[in-house]
N, C-alpha and C. Protein backbone atom coordinates (compact mmCIF):
# COMPACT_ATOMS: atom_id res chain seq x y z
N UNK A 1 96.49 88.45 94.18
CA UNK A 1 97.94 88.45 94.34
C UNK A 1 98.36 89.49 95.38
N UNK A 2 99.29 89.12 96.23
CA UNK A 2 99.86 90.05 97.20
C UNK A 2 101.04 90.76 96.56
N UNK A 3 101.05 92.08 96.69
CA UNK A 3 102.17 92.88 96.20
C UNK A 3 102.89 93.49 97.40
N UNK A 4 104.19 93.27 97.46
CA UNK A 4 105.02 93.88 98.51
C UNK A 4 105.70 95.10 97.91
N UNK A 5 105.42 96.25 98.48
CA UNK A 5 106.08 97.48 98.05
C UNK A 5 107.38 97.57 98.86
N UNK A 6 108.45 97.15 98.21
CA UNK A 6 109.70 96.84 98.90
C UNK A 6 110.74 97.94 98.69
N UNK A 7 111.07 98.62 99.78
CA UNK A 7 112.14 99.62 99.77
C UNK A 7 113.45 98.94 100.12
N UNK A 8 114.48 99.21 99.35
CA UNK A 8 115.76 98.55 99.58
C UNK A 8 116.28 98.82 100.99
N UNK A 9 116.93 97.82 101.56
CA UNK A 9 117.52 97.90 102.90
C UNK A 9 116.53 98.43 103.94
N UNK A 10 115.41 97.79 104.02
CA UNK A 10 114.37 98.28 104.94
C UNK A 10 113.67 97.12 105.63
N UNK A 11 112.73 97.49 106.49
CA UNK A 11 111.94 96.51 107.22
C UNK A 11 111.14 95.59 106.30
N UNK A 12 110.90 96.00 105.08
CA UNK A 12 110.09 95.17 104.19
C UNK A 12 110.78 93.86 103.84
N UNK A 13 112.09 93.73 104.10
CA UNK A 13 112.76 92.47 103.83
C UNK A 13 112.15 91.34 104.65
N UNK A 14 111.75 91.64 105.88
CA UNK A 14 111.18 90.57 106.71
C UNK A 14 109.77 90.19 106.27
N UNK A 15 109.07 91.10 105.55
CA UNK A 15 107.77 90.74 104.99
C UNK A 15 107.95 89.71 103.87
N UNK A 16 108.97 89.92 103.04
CA UNK A 16 109.28 88.93 102.01
C UNK A 16 109.59 87.58 102.65
N UNK A 17 110.35 87.61 103.73
CA UNK A 17 110.70 86.37 104.42
C UNK A 17 109.46 85.66 104.95
N UNK A 18 108.55 86.42 105.57
CA UNK A 18 107.32 85.82 106.08
C UNK A 18 106.53 85.17 104.95
N UNK A 19 106.41 85.85 103.83
CA UNK A 19 105.68 85.29 102.70
C UNK A 19 106.32 83.99 102.21
N UNK A 20 107.64 83.95 102.21
CA UNK A 20 108.34 82.73 101.81
C UNK A 20 108.11 81.61 102.81
N UNK A 21 108.13 81.93 104.09
CA UNK A 21 107.87 80.90 105.11
C UNK A 21 106.45 80.34 104.98
N UNK A 22 105.51 81.20 104.58
CA UNK A 22 104.13 80.75 104.42
C UNK A 22 103.88 80.08 103.07
N UNK A 23 104.86 80.17 102.17
CA UNK A 23 104.71 79.55 100.86
C UNK A 23 103.67 80.23 99.98
N UNK A 24 103.53 81.56 100.12
CA UNK A 24 102.51 82.29 99.36
C UNK A 24 103.10 82.85 98.07
N UNK A 25 102.24 82.98 97.08
CA UNK A 25 102.63 83.64 95.84
C UNK A 25 102.50 85.15 96.04
N UNK A 26 103.48 85.89 95.56
CA UNK A 26 103.46 87.35 95.71
C UNK A 26 104.32 87.95 94.62
N UNK A 27 104.19 89.25 94.47
CA UNK A 27 105.06 89.98 93.56
C UNK A 27 105.71 91.13 94.32
N UNK A 28 106.86 91.56 93.83
CA UNK A 28 107.63 92.60 94.49
C UNK A 28 107.68 93.84 93.61
N UNK A 29 107.27 94.96 94.17
CA UNK A 29 107.46 96.26 93.54
C UNK A 29 108.60 96.95 94.27
N UNK A 30 109.75 97.09 93.62
CA UNK A 30 110.94 97.63 94.28
C UNK A 30 111.00 99.15 94.19
N UNK A 31 111.54 99.75 95.25
CA UNK A 31 111.75 101.19 95.31
C UNK A 31 113.17 101.44 95.81
N UNK A 32 113.86 102.37 95.17
CA UNK A 32 115.22 102.72 95.58
C UNK A 32 115.19 103.94 96.49
N UNK A 33 116.09 103.99 97.44
CA UNK A 33 116.21 105.15 98.31
C UNK A 33 116.87 106.31 97.55
N UNK A 34 116.55 107.52 97.96
CA UNK A 34 117.25 108.68 97.42
C UNK A 34 118.72 108.59 97.81
N UNK A 35 119.64 108.65 96.86
CA UNK A 35 121.06 108.44 97.20
C UNK A 35 121.65 109.50 98.12
N UNK A 36 121.05 110.67 98.18
CA UNK A 36 121.56 111.74 99.06
C UNK A 36 120.93 111.69 100.45
N UNK A 37 119.62 111.57 100.49
CA UNK A 37 118.93 111.60 101.79
C UNK A 37 118.71 110.22 102.38
N UNK A 38 118.79 109.18 101.55
CA UNK A 38 118.50 107.80 101.94
C UNK A 38 117.04 107.59 102.34
N UNK A 39 116.18 108.55 101.96
CA UNK A 39 114.76 108.41 102.26
C UNK A 39 114.05 107.69 101.12
N UNK A 40 112.82 107.25 101.41
CA UNK A 40 112.02 106.58 100.40
C UNK A 40 111.63 107.56 99.29
N UNK A 41 111.44 107.08 98.07
CA UNK A 41 111.06 107.96 96.97
C UNK A 41 109.60 108.39 97.09
N UNK A 42 109.21 109.48 96.44
CA UNK A 42 107.82 109.96 96.53
C UNK A 42 106.80 108.99 95.97
N UNK A 43 107.23 108.06 95.11
CA UNK A 43 106.28 107.11 94.53
C UNK A 43 105.57 106.26 95.60
N UNK A 44 106.23 106.03 96.71
CA UNK A 44 105.60 105.22 97.76
C UNK A 44 104.38 105.91 98.37
N UNK A 45 104.34 107.24 98.31
CA UNK A 45 103.20 107.97 98.86
C UNK A 45 101.93 107.72 98.04
N UNK A 46 102.09 107.21 96.83
CA UNK A 46 100.92 106.87 96.03
C UNK A 46 100.28 105.57 96.51
N UNK A 47 101.05 104.78 97.23
CA UNK A 47 100.55 103.51 97.76
C UNK A 47 99.92 103.71 99.13
N UNK A 48 100.61 104.50 99.97
CA UNK A 48 100.13 104.81 101.32
C UNK A 48 100.51 106.25 101.63
N UNK A 49 99.63 107.03 102.28
CA UNK A 49 99.88 108.46 102.48
C UNK A 49 101.20 108.79 103.18
N UNK A 50 101.70 107.91 104.05
CA UNK A 50 102.94 108.20 104.76
C UNK A 50 104.17 107.98 103.89
N UNK A 51 104.02 107.29 102.77
CA UNK A 51 105.12 107.12 101.85
C UNK A 51 106.28 106.33 102.40
N UNK A 52 105.97 105.32 103.23
CA UNK A 52 107.03 104.52 103.84
C UNK A 52 106.82 103.04 103.52
N UNK A 53 107.85 102.27 103.74
CA UNK A 53 107.79 100.83 103.54
C UNK A 53 108.08 100.16 104.89
N UNK A 54 107.48 99.00 105.17
CA UNK A 54 106.75 98.14 104.25
C UNK A 54 105.28 98.50 104.10
N UNK A 55 104.79 98.20 102.93
CA UNK A 55 103.36 98.27 102.63
C UNK A 55 103.06 97.07 101.73
N UNK A 56 101.92 96.44 101.96
CA UNK A 56 101.49 95.40 101.04
C UNK A 56 100.11 95.75 100.50
N UNK A 57 99.84 95.29 99.29
CA UNK A 57 98.51 95.36 98.71
C UNK A 57 98.06 93.93 98.47
N UNK A 58 96.82 93.65 98.83
CA UNK A 58 96.27 92.30 98.65
C UNK A 58 94.98 92.40 97.86
N UNK A 59 95.02 91.97 96.59
CA UNK A 59 93.80 91.99 95.78
C UNK A 59 93.22 90.60 95.61
N UNK A 60 93.72 89.64 96.43
CA UNK A 60 93.19 88.27 96.38
C UNK A 60 91.97 88.10 97.28
N UNK A 61 91.62 89.14 98.01
CA UNK A 61 90.46 89.10 98.90
C UNK A 61 89.29 89.81 98.22
N UNK A 62 88.05 89.56 98.68
CA UNK A 62 86.88 90.17 98.01
C UNK A 62 86.98 91.68 97.88
N UNK A 63 87.46 92.35 98.92
CA UNK A 63 87.69 93.79 98.86
C UNK A 63 89.18 94.04 98.99
N UNK A 64 89.85 94.42 97.90
CA UNK A 64 91.30 94.63 97.96
C UNK A 64 91.67 95.61 99.07
N UNK A 65 92.78 95.33 99.75
CA UNK A 65 93.19 96.17 100.87
C UNK A 65 94.67 96.50 100.76
N UNK A 66 95.04 97.56 101.47
CA UNK A 66 96.44 97.94 101.63
C UNK A 66 96.74 97.93 103.11
N UNK A 67 97.86 97.31 103.49
CA UNK A 67 98.24 97.22 104.91
C UNK A 67 99.64 97.79 105.06
N UNK A 68 99.82 98.70 106.00
CA UNK A 68 101.12 99.28 106.32
C UNK A 68 101.51 98.89 107.75
N UNK A 69 102.76 99.19 108.11
CA UNK A 69 103.34 98.89 109.41
C UNK A 69 103.72 97.41 109.52
N UNK A 70 104.97 97.17 109.86
CA UNK A 70 105.49 95.81 109.91
C UNK A 70 104.65 94.87 110.77
N UNK A 71 104.38 95.28 112.01
CA UNK A 71 103.63 94.42 112.91
C UNK A 71 102.23 94.12 112.40
N UNK A 72 101.58 95.15 111.86
CA UNK A 72 100.23 94.96 111.33
C UNK A 72 100.25 94.02 110.12
N UNK A 73 101.27 94.14 109.28
CA UNK A 73 101.40 93.26 108.11
C UNK A 73 101.62 91.82 108.56
N UNK A 74 102.50 91.62 109.54
CA UNK A 74 102.76 90.28 110.04
C UNK A 74 101.47 89.67 110.59
N UNK A 75 100.76 90.42 111.40
CA UNK A 75 99.52 89.88 111.98
C UNK A 75 98.49 89.59 110.90
N UNK A 76 98.38 90.48 109.91
CA UNK A 76 97.42 90.26 108.84
C UNK A 76 97.73 88.99 108.06
N UNK A 77 98.98 88.83 107.66
CA UNK A 77 99.35 87.66 106.85
C UNK A 77 99.20 86.35 107.62
N UNK A 78 99.61 86.36 108.89
CA UNK A 78 99.48 85.14 109.69
C UNK A 78 98.01 84.82 109.94
N UNK A 79 97.20 85.84 110.20
CA UNK A 79 95.77 85.62 110.43
C UNK A 79 95.07 85.14 109.16
N UNK A 80 95.38 85.79 108.03
CA UNK A 80 94.65 85.52 106.79
C UNK A 80 95.12 84.25 106.09
N UNK A 81 96.43 83.96 106.19
CA UNK A 81 96.98 82.89 105.37
C UNK A 81 97.78 81.84 106.15
N UNK A 82 97.95 82.05 107.44
CA UNK A 82 98.81 81.15 108.20
C UNK A 82 98.21 79.80 108.48
N UNK A 83 96.89 79.73 108.62
CA UNK A 83 96.27 78.46 108.95
C UNK A 83 96.81 77.85 110.23
N UNK A 84 97.12 78.69 111.20
CA UNK A 84 97.66 78.22 112.47
C UNK A 84 99.17 78.10 112.50
N UNK A 85 99.82 78.34 111.38
CA UNK A 85 101.29 78.24 111.34
C UNK A 85 101.93 79.53 111.84
N UNK A 86 103.16 79.38 112.31
CA UNK A 86 104.04 80.50 112.69
C UNK A 86 103.53 81.31 113.87
N UNK A 87 102.63 80.74 114.65
CA UNK A 87 102.26 81.36 115.92
C UNK A 87 101.78 80.29 116.87
N UNK A 88 101.99 80.48 118.16
CA UNK A 88 101.57 79.47 119.14
C UNK A 88 100.05 79.44 119.26
N UNK A 89 99.51 78.35 119.82
CA UNK A 89 98.07 78.26 120.03
C UNK A 89 97.58 79.37 120.96
N UNK A 90 96.42 79.96 120.66
CA UNK A 90 95.88 81.03 121.52
C UNK A 90 95.71 80.57 122.96
N UNK A 91 95.92 81.51 123.87
CA UNK A 91 95.70 81.23 125.29
C UNK A 91 96.85 80.57 126.01
N UNK A 92 97.93 80.26 125.29
CA UNK A 92 99.08 79.61 125.92
C UNK A 92 100.10 80.64 126.38
N UNK A 93 101.02 80.19 127.23
CA UNK A 93 102.10 81.07 127.66
C UNK A 93 102.95 81.49 126.46
N UNK A 94 103.12 80.56 125.52
CA UNK A 94 103.89 80.88 124.31
C UNK A 94 103.20 81.95 123.48
N UNK A 95 101.87 81.94 123.44
CA UNK A 95 101.13 82.96 122.69
C UNK A 95 101.34 84.34 123.30
N UNK A 96 101.34 84.40 124.62
CA UNK A 96 101.59 85.69 125.28
C UNK A 96 103.01 86.17 124.98
N UNK A 97 103.94 85.23 124.99
CA UNK A 97 105.33 85.56 124.68
C UNK A 97 105.45 86.04 123.22
N UNK A 98 104.75 85.36 122.35
CA UNK A 98 104.74 85.72 120.92
C UNK A 98 104.27 87.17 120.74
N UNK A 99 103.17 87.52 121.38
CA UNK A 99 102.63 88.88 121.26
C UNK A 99 103.62 89.90 121.81
N UNK A 100 104.25 89.56 122.91
CA UNK A 100 105.23 90.48 123.52
C UNK A 100 106.35 90.81 122.54
N UNK A 101 106.98 89.79 121.97
CA UNK A 101 108.12 90.04 121.09
C UNK A 101 107.71 90.65 119.77
N UNK A 102 106.50 90.35 119.32
CA UNK A 102 106.00 90.96 118.10
C UNK A 102 105.95 92.48 118.24
N UNK A 103 105.64 92.96 119.44
CA UNK A 103 105.56 94.40 119.68
C UNK A 103 106.86 94.98 120.22
N UNK A 104 107.63 94.17 120.93
CA UNK A 104 108.92 94.63 121.47
C UNK A 104 109.84 95.12 120.35
N UNK A 105 109.80 94.44 119.23
CA UNK A 105 110.69 94.76 118.12
C UNK A 105 110.66 96.24 117.75
N UNK A 106 109.47 96.77 117.52
CA UNK A 106 109.35 98.17 117.12
C UNK A 106 109.14 99.10 118.31
N UNK A 107 108.49 98.59 119.37
CA UNK A 107 108.17 99.46 120.49
C UNK A 107 109.33 99.74 121.42
N UNK A 108 110.21 98.75 121.63
CA UNK A 108 111.31 98.92 122.58
C UNK A 108 112.68 98.94 121.93
N UNK A 109 112.90 98.08 120.92
CA UNK A 109 114.24 97.92 120.39
C UNK A 109 114.59 98.91 119.29
N UNK A 110 113.66 99.20 118.40
CA UNK A 110 113.99 100.08 117.28
C UNK A 110 114.24 101.54 117.68
N UNK A 111 113.52 102.12 118.65
CA UNK A 111 113.76 103.54 118.96
C UNK A 111 115.22 103.87 119.31
N UNK A 112 115.89 103.15 120.23
CA UNK A 112 117.29 103.51 120.50
C UNK A 112 118.20 103.21 119.31
N UNK A 113 117.87 102.21 118.50
CA UNK A 113 118.68 101.95 117.31
C UNK A 113 118.58 103.12 116.32
N UNK A 114 117.37 103.65 116.17
CA UNK A 114 117.18 104.80 115.29
C UNK A 114 117.88 106.04 115.85
N UNK A 115 117.81 106.21 117.17
CA UNK A 115 118.50 107.33 117.79
C UNK A 115 120.01 107.23 117.57
N UNK A 116 120.55 106.04 117.66
CA UNK A 116 121.97 105.85 117.41
C UNK A 116 122.32 106.24 115.98
N UNK A 117 121.50 105.81 115.04
CA UNK A 117 121.73 106.15 113.64
C UNK A 117 121.72 107.66 113.44
N UNK A 118 120.73 108.33 114.04
CA UNK A 118 120.62 109.79 113.90
C UNK A 118 121.83 110.49 114.49
N UNK A 119 122.23 110.12 115.70
CA UNK A 119 123.35 110.82 116.34
C UNK A 119 124.69 110.45 115.72
N UNK A 120 124.80 109.28 115.13
CA UNK A 120 126.01 108.97 114.36
C UNK A 120 126.11 109.89 113.15
N UNK A 121 124.97 110.17 112.53
CA UNK A 121 124.96 111.09 111.38
C UNK A 121 125.24 112.52 111.83
N UNK A 122 124.69 112.91 112.98
CA UNK A 122 124.96 114.25 113.52
C UNK A 122 126.45 114.42 113.78
N UNK A 123 127.06 113.38 114.35
CA UNK A 123 128.49 113.44 114.69
C UNK A 123 129.37 113.65 113.46
N UNK A 124 128.96 113.07 112.34
CA UNK A 124 129.79 113.15 111.13
C UNK A 124 129.28 114.16 110.11
N UNK A 125 128.23 114.91 110.46
CA UNK A 125 127.65 115.86 109.51
C UNK A 125 128.60 117.02 109.23
N UNK A 126 128.61 117.53 108.00
CA UNK A 126 129.45 118.70 107.68
C UNK A 126 128.91 119.96 108.36
N UNK A 127 129.71 120.56 109.21
CA UNK A 127 129.35 121.80 109.91
C UNK A 127 130.58 122.70 109.93
N UNK A 128 130.41 124.01 110.15
CA UNK A 128 131.57 124.90 110.26
C UNK A 128 132.54 124.40 111.32
N UNK A 129 133.83 124.51 111.04
CA UNK A 129 134.86 123.91 111.90
C UNK A 129 134.77 124.39 113.34
N UNK A 130 134.34 125.64 113.55
CA UNK A 130 134.36 126.19 114.90
C UNK A 130 133.23 125.66 115.79
N UNK A 131 132.21 125.05 115.20
CA UNK A 131 131.16 124.46 116.05
C UNK A 131 131.20 122.93 116.01
N UNK A 132 132.10 122.37 115.19
CA UNK A 132 132.17 120.92 115.10
C UNK A 132 132.44 120.26 116.45
N UNK A 133 133.37 120.79 117.27
CA UNK A 133 133.58 120.17 118.59
C UNK A 133 132.33 120.17 119.47
N UNK A 134 131.50 121.24 119.33
CA UNK A 134 130.27 121.31 120.12
C UNK A 134 129.29 120.25 119.66
N UNK A 135 129.10 120.15 118.34
CA UNK A 135 128.18 119.18 117.79
C UNK A 135 128.61 117.76 118.16
N UNK A 136 129.89 117.48 117.98
CA UNK A 136 130.41 116.16 118.31
C UNK A 136 130.26 115.87 119.80
N UNK A 137 130.51 116.89 120.62
CA UNK A 137 130.40 116.69 122.07
C UNK A 137 128.98 116.36 122.49
N UNK A 138 128.00 117.05 121.90
CA UNK A 138 126.60 116.77 122.22
C UNK A 138 126.23 115.36 121.79
N UNK A 139 126.62 114.99 120.56
CA UNK A 139 126.30 113.64 120.06
C UNK A 139 126.95 112.57 120.92
N UNK A 140 128.20 112.79 121.30
CA UNK A 140 128.89 111.81 122.15
C UNK A 140 128.23 111.69 123.52
N UNK A 141 127.81 112.82 124.07
CA UNK A 141 127.18 112.80 125.40
C UNK A 141 125.85 112.06 125.37
N UNK A 142 125.01 112.35 124.37
CA UNK A 142 123.72 111.67 124.27
C UNK A 142 123.92 110.17 124.07
N UNK A 143 124.90 109.82 123.22
CA UNK A 143 125.16 108.41 122.95
C UNK A 143 125.64 107.68 124.20
N UNK A 144 126.60 108.26 124.90
CA UNK A 144 127.21 107.58 126.05
C UNK A 144 126.29 107.55 127.27
N UNK A 145 125.48 108.58 127.44
CA UNK A 145 124.68 108.66 128.67
C UNK A 145 123.28 108.08 128.52
N UNK A 146 122.80 107.97 127.28
CA UNK A 146 121.41 107.51 127.09
C UNK A 146 121.30 106.35 126.12
N UNK A 147 121.79 106.53 124.90
CA UNK A 147 121.57 105.52 123.87
C UNK A 147 122.32 104.22 124.17
N UNK A 148 123.60 104.31 124.41
CA UNK A 148 124.41 103.10 124.64
C UNK A 148 123.94 102.31 125.86
N UNK A 149 123.67 102.95 127.01
CA UNK A 149 123.18 102.17 128.14
C UNK A 149 121.85 101.46 127.87
N UNK A 150 120.96 102.13 127.14
CA UNK A 150 119.68 101.51 126.81
C UNK A 150 119.87 100.31 125.89
N UNK A 151 120.73 100.45 124.89
CA UNK A 151 120.98 99.32 124.00
C UNK A 151 121.63 98.16 124.74
N UNK A 152 122.54 98.47 125.63
CA UNK A 152 123.18 97.41 126.42
C UNK A 152 122.15 96.66 127.24
N UNK A 153 121.26 97.39 127.88
CA UNK A 153 120.22 96.76 128.71
C UNK A 153 119.31 95.87 127.87
N UNK A 154 118.91 96.36 126.70
CA UNK A 154 118.02 95.61 125.83
C UNK A 154 118.70 94.34 125.29
N UNK A 155 119.94 94.48 124.85
CA UNK A 155 120.65 93.32 124.31
C UNK A 155 120.91 92.28 125.40
N UNK A 156 121.26 92.75 126.59
CA UNK A 156 121.46 91.81 127.70
C UNK A 156 120.17 91.07 128.05
N UNK A 157 119.06 91.80 128.03
CA UNK A 157 117.77 91.20 128.32
C UNK A 157 117.44 90.11 127.31
N UNK A 158 117.62 90.38 126.02
CA UNK A 158 117.32 89.39 124.99
C UNK A 158 118.25 88.18 125.08
N UNK A 159 119.52 88.43 125.36
CA UNK A 159 120.47 87.34 125.52
C UNK A 159 120.04 86.41 126.66
N UNK A 160 119.59 86.98 127.75
CA UNK A 160 119.13 86.19 128.88
C UNK A 160 117.86 85.41 128.54
N UNK A 161 116.95 86.05 127.82
CA UNK A 161 115.70 85.39 127.46
C UNK A 161 115.95 84.14 126.62
N UNK A 162 116.92 84.19 125.72
CA UNK A 162 117.19 83.05 124.85
C UNK A 162 117.96 81.93 125.57
N UNK A 163 118.28 82.13 126.83
CA UNK A 163 118.91 81.05 127.59
C UNK A 163 117.94 79.92 127.88
N UNK A 164 116.65 80.22 127.89
CA UNK A 164 115.65 79.21 128.28
C UNK A 164 114.91 78.60 127.10
N UNK A 165 115.15 79.09 125.90
CA UNK A 165 114.43 78.57 124.72
C UNK A 165 115.19 78.96 123.46
N UNK A 166 115.01 78.20 122.38
CA UNK A 166 115.76 78.49 121.17
C UNK A 166 115.21 79.65 120.34
N UNK A 167 113.90 79.91 120.46
CA UNK A 167 113.26 80.97 119.68
C UNK A 167 112.56 81.94 120.62
N UNK A 168 112.23 83.11 120.12
CA UNK A 168 111.72 84.14 121.03
C UNK A 168 110.39 83.77 121.68
N UNK A 169 109.53 83.07 120.97
CA UNK A 169 108.23 82.72 121.57
C UNK A 169 108.22 81.35 122.23
N UNK A 170 109.31 80.61 122.14
CA UNK A 170 109.32 79.30 122.78
C UNK A 170 110.16 78.29 122.03
N UNK A 171 109.71 77.05 122.02
CA UNK A 171 110.48 75.97 121.41
C UNK A 171 110.41 75.99 119.89
N UNK A 172 109.39 76.64 119.35
CA UNK A 172 109.19 76.63 117.90
C UNK A 172 109.43 78.00 117.28
N UNK A 173 109.99 77.99 116.09
CA UNK A 173 110.14 79.21 115.30
C UNK A 173 108.77 79.80 115.01
N UNK A 174 108.67 81.14 115.06
CA UNK A 174 107.39 81.81 114.82
C UNK A 174 107.59 83.13 114.11
N UNK A 175 106.48 83.77 113.77
CA UNK A 175 106.54 85.08 113.12
C UNK A 175 107.15 86.13 114.04
N UNK A 176 107.17 85.89 115.34
CA UNK A 176 107.85 86.82 116.24
C UNK A 176 109.34 86.87 115.94
N UNK A 177 109.91 85.75 115.56
CA UNK A 177 111.33 85.73 115.18
C UNK A 177 111.55 86.53 113.89
N UNK A 178 110.61 86.42 112.97
CA UNK A 178 110.71 87.21 111.74
C UNK A 178 110.65 88.69 112.07
N UNK A 179 109.74 89.07 112.94
CA UNK A 179 109.60 90.48 113.32
C UNK A 179 110.85 90.99 114.03
N UNK A 180 111.49 90.13 114.80
CA UNK A 180 112.68 90.54 115.54
C UNK A 180 113.93 90.61 114.66
N UNK A 181 113.87 90.09 113.45
CA UNK A 181 115.09 89.98 112.64
C UNK A 181 115.69 91.33 112.28
N UNK A 182 114.89 92.26 111.83
CA UNK A 182 115.46 93.53 111.34
C UNK A 182 116.22 94.30 112.41
N UNK A 183 115.64 94.53 113.60
CA UNK A 183 116.40 95.28 114.60
C UNK A 183 117.65 94.56 115.08
N UNK A 184 117.60 93.23 115.16
CA UNK A 184 118.80 92.52 115.61
C UNK A 184 119.87 92.49 114.52
N UNK A 185 119.46 92.44 113.27
CA UNK A 185 120.44 92.58 112.19
C UNK A 185 121.05 93.97 112.20
N UNK A 186 120.21 94.98 112.46
CA UNK A 186 120.72 96.34 112.55
C UNK A 186 121.69 96.49 113.72
N UNK A 187 121.36 95.85 114.83
CA UNK A 187 122.26 95.91 116.00
C UNK A 187 123.59 95.25 115.70
N UNK A 188 123.57 94.13 114.97
CA UNK A 188 124.82 93.45 114.63
C UNK A 188 125.63 94.25 113.63
N UNK A 189 124.95 94.96 112.74
CA UNK A 189 125.66 95.72 111.70
C UNK A 189 126.19 97.05 112.22
N UNK A 190 125.47 97.67 113.17
CA UNK A 190 125.77 99.07 113.48
C UNK A 190 125.72 99.44 114.95
N UNK A 191 125.41 98.50 115.82
CA UNK A 191 125.24 98.88 117.22
C UNK A 191 125.93 97.94 118.19
N UNK A 192 126.95 97.23 117.73
CA UNK A 192 127.81 96.52 118.65
C UNK A 192 127.38 95.14 119.08
N UNK A 193 126.33 94.59 118.49
CA UNK A 193 125.98 93.20 118.81
C UNK A 193 127.04 92.29 118.19
N UNK A 194 127.70 91.47 119.04
CA UNK A 194 128.80 90.63 118.55
C UNK A 194 128.88 89.35 119.37
N UNK A 195 130.00 88.68 119.26
CA UNK A 195 130.17 87.37 119.90
C UNK A 195 130.11 87.42 121.42
N UNK A 196 130.14 88.59 122.01
CA UNK A 196 130.00 88.69 123.46
C UNK A 196 128.59 88.29 123.92
N UNK A 197 127.66 88.22 122.97
CA UNK A 197 126.31 87.73 123.26
C UNK A 197 126.05 86.54 122.34
N UNK A 198 126.57 85.37 122.71
CA UNK A 198 126.57 84.22 121.80
C UNK A 198 125.19 83.69 121.45
N UNK A 199 124.22 83.82 122.36
CA UNK A 199 122.90 83.28 122.05
C UNK A 199 122.23 84.10 120.94
N UNK A 200 122.35 85.42 121.03
CA UNK A 200 121.78 86.26 119.98
C UNK A 200 122.49 86.03 118.65
N UNK A 201 123.80 85.88 118.68
CA UNK A 201 124.54 85.64 117.44
C UNK A 201 124.18 84.28 116.85
N UNK A 202 123.97 83.29 117.72
CA UNK A 202 123.55 81.97 117.23
C UNK A 202 122.17 82.05 116.62
N UNK A 203 121.28 82.82 117.24
CA UNK A 203 119.93 83.01 116.70
C UNK A 203 120.01 83.64 115.31
N UNK A 204 120.85 84.66 115.14
CA UNK A 204 121.01 85.28 113.83
C UNK A 204 121.52 84.27 112.80
N UNK A 205 122.48 83.46 113.20
CA UNK A 205 123.01 82.44 112.29
C UNK A 205 121.92 81.46 111.86
N UNK A 206 121.06 81.09 112.81
CA UNK A 206 120.02 80.11 112.50
C UNK A 206 118.93 80.69 111.59
N UNK A 207 118.56 81.96 111.79
CA UNK A 207 117.55 82.52 110.89
C UNK A 207 118.13 82.73 109.49
N UNK A 208 119.40 83.11 109.41
CA UNK A 208 120.02 83.33 108.11
C UNK A 208 120.18 82.03 107.32
N UNK A 209 120.22 80.92 108.02
CA UNK A 209 120.38 79.63 107.36
C UNK A 209 119.06 79.05 106.85
N UNK A 210 117.95 79.64 107.23
CA UNK A 210 116.66 79.10 106.81
C UNK A 210 116.47 79.28 105.30
N UNK A 211 116.03 78.23 104.60
CA UNK A 211 115.84 78.35 103.16
C UNK A 211 114.90 79.49 102.75
N UNK A 212 113.84 79.70 103.52
CA UNK A 212 112.90 80.78 103.19
C UNK A 212 113.56 82.14 103.32
N UNK A 213 114.45 82.30 104.29
CA UNK A 213 115.19 83.56 104.43
C UNK A 213 116.06 83.79 103.20
N UNK A 214 116.74 82.76 102.74
CA UNK A 214 117.60 82.89 101.57
C UNK A 214 116.79 83.20 100.32
N UNK A 215 115.62 82.61 100.18
CA UNK A 215 114.76 82.92 99.03
C UNK A 215 114.29 84.36 99.08
N UNK A 216 114.00 84.85 100.29
CA UNK A 216 113.56 86.24 100.43
C UNK A 216 114.67 87.21 100.03
N UNK A 217 115.91 86.88 100.33
CA UNK A 217 117.03 87.73 99.89
C UNK A 217 117.11 87.79 98.37
N UNK A 218 116.88 86.67 97.73
CA UNK A 218 116.90 86.65 96.27
C UNK A 218 115.75 87.49 95.70
N UNK A 219 114.60 87.42 96.36
CA UNK A 219 113.44 88.18 95.88
C UNK A 219 113.60 89.68 96.09
N UNK A 220 114.23 90.05 97.21
CA UNK A 220 114.33 91.47 97.55
C UNK A 220 115.53 92.18 97.00
N UNK A 221 116.56 91.45 96.64
CA UNK A 221 117.77 92.09 96.14
C UNK A 221 118.74 92.43 97.27
N UNK A 222 119.79 93.20 96.97
CA UNK A 222 120.84 93.49 97.95
C UNK A 222 120.26 94.01 99.27
N UNK A 223 120.84 93.50 100.35
CA UNK A 223 120.36 93.84 101.70
C UNK A 223 121.58 94.04 102.58
N UNK A 224 121.89 95.28 102.90
CA UNK A 224 123.18 95.58 103.54
C UNK A 224 123.28 95.07 104.96
N UNK A 225 122.16 94.74 105.60
CA UNK A 225 122.21 94.28 106.98
C UNK A 225 122.93 92.94 107.13
N UNK A 226 123.04 92.19 106.03
CA UNK A 226 123.73 90.90 106.14
C UNK A 226 124.92 90.84 105.20
N UNK A 227 125.35 91.97 104.65
CA UNK A 227 126.54 91.97 103.78
C UNK A 227 127.80 91.75 104.60
């Protein structure tokens, strides 16, 4: 049985979705964030030393294993259980595209989104009144001069890419779309992705309408990225 160690409102939601798309049996071990810090609880460190989610445990194989990191989990599940589904045939242009977007999600798109989250928190953090203008000024400057331009460039790039195909890897839905879901949902919720980029918004609408996506929401519980 595959166990998903699922932290609320986290990247592990897309692991549940992948499992549903593959039609696999699994169980969910839920973890709540600390209400003050919003960090993962210490119990997750008993599963993997870094104490972060997503993590899966698979005891259905001869030697039970634990796999961490979203991209590694996606590749493991598609390789072990996909039977050729949810990825293009090897050696094709679509396969190269698939690999690109599988890594783009965390390598290029998530870092500026995380930076935006951090500096938004810095901007609103409780500090002595006499230094608040300085703190706010620094956060505003970093956001306007670095974070926002980078996010604009990335979102524009993805919008243009979807002009030539309906899914990120080509004509067919793939696990690359699943991997791309979390950062684009985060961008729509907190980083200004809106109707000004209709192809990306249409892509979000189409993934949210998939029956497997809806089943994953039921399995994982409340997920603020689509509230």
